Amino acid sequence: MSNDNPYSEAQFRTLKYCPAFPERFGSITHARAFCTEFFSYYNHEHRHSGIGLHTPASVHLGTAGQIRAERARTLQAAYAAHPGRFRRKPTPPRLPTGVWINEPAKAETSSDTEQVA
């Protein structure tokens, strides 16, 4: 079981499978330039489904809640203006309360382990 940082694992996988990732770097300068551009995009532009379609920078800087509230207002206005376009009232994705690579097993509560006599 991995105990690594799930955010680092996610960015490494995205980097590894990026279509622009070269088969080989021509030099250390080329590798650094590629990674500088990639990580700037990954952290400040790319919206991640695992964190409610926010950027890592937004979550890290604490602005994700405000952005989610703005998205909710926009969705409410769109629904009010054109309710027929929606199957149900839209809401923005929730922010996760925790992030895991391998989520630990949930602890059993006393009510789960009580036996009926």
Protein backbone atom coordinates (compact mmCIF):
# COMPACT_ATOMS: atom_id res chain seq x y z
CA MET A 1 0.00 0.00 0.00
CA SER A 2 1.35 3.39 -0.98
CA ASN A 3 1.69 6.13 1.61
CA ASP A 4 2.78 8.77 -0.87
CA ASN A 5 1.12 12.12 -1.35
CA PRO A 6 -2.02 11.58 -3.50
CA TYR A 7 -1.65 15.01 -5.10
CA SER A 8 1.92 14.22 -6.17
CA GLU A 9 0.86 10.82 -7.47
CA ALA A 10 -1.92 12.40 -9.52
CA GLN A 11 0.33 15.04 -11.07
CA PHE A 12 2.99 12.45 -11.90
CA ARG A 13 0.45 10.25 -13.69
CA THR A 14 -0.89 13.25 -15.62
CA LEU A 15 2.66 14.24 -16.59
CA LYS A 16 3.57 10.69 -17.63
CA TYR A 17 0.52 10.34 -19.90
CA CYS A 18 0.55 13.88 -21.29
CA PRO A 19 0.42 13.67 -25.11
CA ALA A 20 3.06 16.42 -25.33
CA PHE A 21 5.50 14.53 -23.05
CA PRO A 22 8.54 13.83 -25.24
CA GLU A 23 9.96 10.35 -25.70
CA ARG A 24 13.33 11.83 -24.79
CA PHE A 25 14.51 15.21 -23.61
CA GLY A 26 17.33 16.77 -25.59
CA SER A 27 18.98 18.22 -22.49
CA ILE A 28 18.40 19.03 -18.85
CA THR A 29 17.46 22.54 -19.97
CA HIS A 30 14.79 21.08 -22.27
CA ALA A 31 13.45 18.89 -19.43
CA ARG A 32 13.31 21.82 -17.02
CA ALA A 33 11.57 24.07 -19.55
CA PHE A 34 8.98 21.39 -20.32
CA CYS A 35 8.30 20.72 -16.63
CA THR A 36 8.10 24.41 -15.75
CA GLU A 37 5.39 24.92 -18.38
CA PHE A 38 3.59 21.68 -17.51
CA PHE A 39 3.45 22.30 -13.75
CA SER A 40 2.29 25.89 -14.21
CA TYR A 41 -0.58 24.62 -16.39
CA TYR A 42 -1.34 21.69 -14.05
CA ASN A 43 -1.47 23.81 -10.89
CA HIS A 44 -3.10 27.01 -12.19
CA GLU A 45 -5.23 26.15 -15.25
CA HIS A 46 -6.21 22.47 -15.34
CA ARG A 47 -9.53 21.77 -13.58
CA HIS A 48 -9.34 18.47 -11.67
CA SER A 49 -12.41 16.26 -11.35
CA GLY A 50 -11.17 14.84 -8.04
CA ILE A 51 -11.23 18.27 -6.41
CA GLY A 52 -14.58 19.55 -7.68
CA LEU A 53 -13.26 20.91 -11.00
CA HIS A 54 -10.95 23.34 -9.24
CA THR A 55 -7.26 23.92 -9.78
CA PRO A 56 -4.76 22.72 -7.16
CA ALA A 57 -3.75 26.35 -6.64
CA SER A 58 -7.35 27.33 -5.86
CA VAL A 59 -7.70 24.54 -3.31
CA HIS A 60 -4.30 25.29 -1.78
CA LEU A 61 -4.92 29.03 -1.57
CA GLY A 62 -8.38 28.54 -0.06
CA THR A 63 -10.37 30.16 -2.87
CA ALA A 64 -12.20 26.99 -3.97
CA GLY A 65 -15.15 27.57 -1.62
CA GLN A 66 -15.72 31.08 -2.96
CA ILE A 67 -15.40 29.86 -6.56
CA ARG A 68 -17.88 27.04 -5.85
CA ALA A 69 -20.35 29.55 -4.42
CA GLU A 70 -19.99 31.74 -7.55
CA ARG A 71 -20.57 28.68 -9.74
CA ALA A 72 -23.68 27.83 -7.71
CA ARG A 73 -25.07 31.37 -8.27
CA THR A 74 -24.38 31.12 -12.01
CA LEU A 75 -26.07 27.72 -12.23
CA GLN A 76 -29.08 28.98 -10.22
CA ALA A 77 -29.45 31.95 -12.59
CA ALA A 78 -29.24 29.67 -15.64
CA TYR A 79 -31.84 27.35 -14.12
CA ALA A 80 -34.16 30.24 -13.27
CA ALA A 81 -33.86 31.65 -16.79
CA HIS A 82 -34.25 28.32 -18.64
CA PRO A 83 -35.53 25.52 -16.36
CA GLY A 84 -36.54 23.40 -19.37
CA ARG A 85 -32.89 22.89 -20.29
CA PHE A 86 -32.26 20.93 -17.10
CA ARG A 87 -33.50 17.58 -15.81
CA ARG A 88 -33.00 18.78 -12.24
CA LYS A 89 -31.69 21.86 -10.47
CA PRO A 90 -27.93 22.01 -11.21
CA THR A 91 -25.27 22.23 -8.51
CA PRO A 92 -21.50 22.51 -8.81
CA PRO A 93 -19.40 19.48 -7.78
CA ARG A 94 -18.67 19.20 -4.07
CA LEU A 95 -15.20 19.75 -2.71
CA PRO A 96 -13.70 16.57 -1.25
CA THR A 97 -13.19 16.34 2.49
CA GLY A 98 -10.18 14.04 2.09
CA VAL A 99 -7.95 12.71 -0.66
CA TRP A 100 -6.49 9.21 -0.75
CA ILE A 101 -4.42 6.94 -2.95
CA ASN A 102 -5.60 3.89 -1.00
CA GLU A 103 -8.41 4.93 1.32
CA PRO A 104 -8.11 3.24 4.70
CA ALA A 105 -10.86 0.82 5.65
CA LYS A 106 -13.66 2.55 7.50
CA ALA A 107 -13.57 1.84 11.23
CA GLU A 108 -16.52 -0.15 12.49
CA THR A 109 -18.78 1.70 14.89
CA SER A 110 -20.09 0.07 18.06
CA SER A 111 -23.55 -0.19 16.43
CA ASP A 112 -21.96 -2.15 13.55
CA THR A 113 -20.43 -4.68 15.89
CA GLU A 114 -23.29 -5.10 18.36
CA GLN A 115 -24.97 -8.47 18.11
CA VAL A 116 -28.63 -9.02 18.68
CA ALA A 117 -29.22 -11.52 21.52
